[in-house]
Amino acid sequence: MCFEKFWKEYPSRKPHANPRKTAEKAYHRQTKNGYREEDLIEAAKNYASYAKAESVEGKYICMASTFLNQERFLDYQEPLKKPISMVDIL
């Protein structure tokens, strides 16, 4: 089941709530709406990378059900781009 992969990749909100059952329903609703499971999983992975890079606190990480229901996953289809530093240029 691909929801397991999505859930594993999605960033933790601990110690704050992130209801799994609600997220799973939203996940399946989006797959029925035609979104590919691979894209949802990749978006979760990209969102987790963003949250880690920006040091986002758990309480500010979007609940997975909201991420799916509001189609926020569309904002995370591409991997986080590493900012260019002067070291990279030289």
Protein backbone atom coordinates (compact mmCIF):
# COMPACT_ATOMS: atom_id res chain seq x y z
CA MET A 1 0.00 0.00 0.00
CA CYS A 2 1.47 3.33 -1.07
CA PHE A 3 -0.08 5.33 1.77
CA GLU A 4 2.48 3.66 4.04
CA LYS A 5 5.26 5.14 1.91
CA PHE A 6 3.60 8.56 1.96
CA TRP A 7 3.20 8.42 5.74
CA LYS A 8 6.80 7.36 6.21
CA GLU A 9 8.07 10.29 4.11
CA TYR A 10 5.78 12.95 5.57
CA PRO A 11 7.52 15.18 8.16
CA SER A 12 6.69 14.64 11.80
CA ARG A 13 4.57 17.17 13.69
CA LYS A 14 5.52 15.73 17.08
CA PRO A 15 4.48 16.48 19.72
CA HIS A 16 1.46 17.91 17.86
CA ALA A 17 -1.41 15.94 16.36
CA ASN A 18 -1.39 14.57 12.82
CA PRO A 19 -4.32 12.14 12.58
CA ARG A 20 -3.30 9.20 10.42
CA LYS A 21 -6.83 7.99 9.62
CA THR A 22 -7.89 11.40 8.30
CA ALA A 23 -4.72 11.64 6.23
CA GLU A 24 -5.26 8.19 4.77
CA LYS A 25 -8.80 9.10 3.69
CA ALA A 26 -7.52 12.30 2.06
CA TYR A 27 -4.74 10.36 0.34
CA HIS A 28 -7.16 7.88 -1.21
CA ARG A 29 -9.51 10.69 -2.21
CA GLN A 30 -6.69 12.37 -4.13
CA THR A 31 -5.74 9.15 -5.91
CA LYS A 32 -9.39 8.77 -6.94
CA ASN A 33 -9.22 12.36 -8.21
CA GLY A 34 -6.49 11.22 -10.60
CA TYR A 35 -3.31 12.19 -8.77
CA ARG A 36 -0.57 9.59 -9.00
CA GLU A 37 0.55 7.96 -5.78
CA GLU A 38 4.18 8.44 -6.79
CA ASP A 39 3.61 12.20 -7.04
CA LEU A 40 1.97 12.38 -3.61
CA ILE A 41 4.83 10.43 -2.06
CA GLU A 42 7.44 12.59 -3.81
CA ALA A 43 5.66 15.74 -2.61
CA ALA A 44 5.74 14.45 0.98
CA LYS A 45 9.45 13.77 0.63
CA ASN A 46 10.07 17.24 -0.82
CA TYR A 47 8.00 18.89 1.91
CA ALA A 48 10.02 17.02 4.54
CA SER A 49 13.25 18.26 2.92
CA TYR A 50 11.92 21.81 2.96
CA ALA A 51 10.85 21.56 6.62
CA LYS A 52 14.25 20.21 7.61
CA ALA A 53 16.21 22.81 5.61
CA GLU A 54 14.13 25.64 7.07
CA SER A 55 14.10 24.15 10.60
CA VAL A 56 10.31 24.29 10.71
CA GLU A 57 8.97 23.46 14.18
CA GLY A 58 6.49 20.58 14.41
CA LYS A 59 3.58 22.85 15.24
CA TYR A 60 4.10 24.71 11.96
CA ILE A 61 4.19 21.61 9.77
CA CYS A 62 0.92 21.22 7.98
CA MET A 63 -1.24 18.28 9.03
CA ALA A 64 -1.02 15.60 6.35
CA SER A 65 -4.78 15.69 5.75
CA THR A 66 -4.64 19.44 5.13
CA PHE A 67 -1.60 19.02 2.88
CA LEU A 68 -3.65 16.59 0.80
CA ASN A 69 -7.13 18.15 0.98
CA GLN A 70 -5.93 21.64 0.06
CA GLU A 71 -3.71 20.21 -2.69
CA ARG A 72 -0.64 21.77 -1.11
CA PHE A 73 1.29 18.81 -2.49
CA LEU A 74 1.19 20.59 -5.84
CA ASP A 75 3.62 23.14 -4.38
CA TYR A 76 6.16 20.41 -3.61
CA GLN A 77 6.42 18.50 -6.88
CA GLU A 78 10.02 19.59 -7.38
CA PRO A 79 12.87 18.78 -4.97
CA LEU A 80 14.22 21.60 -2.83
CA LYS A 81 16.87 23.47 -4.73
CA LYS A 82 20.12 24.12 -2.90
CA PRO A 83 20.87 27.85 -2.74
CA ILE A 84 23.99 28.92 -4.61
CA SER A 85 26.72 30.15 -2.31
CA MET A 86 29.88 32.05 -3.12
CA VAL A 87 31.87 28.85 -2.48
CA ASP A 88 29.97 27.17 -5.35
CA ILE A 89 30.76 30.05 -7.68
CA LEU A 90 34.47 30.21 -6.91
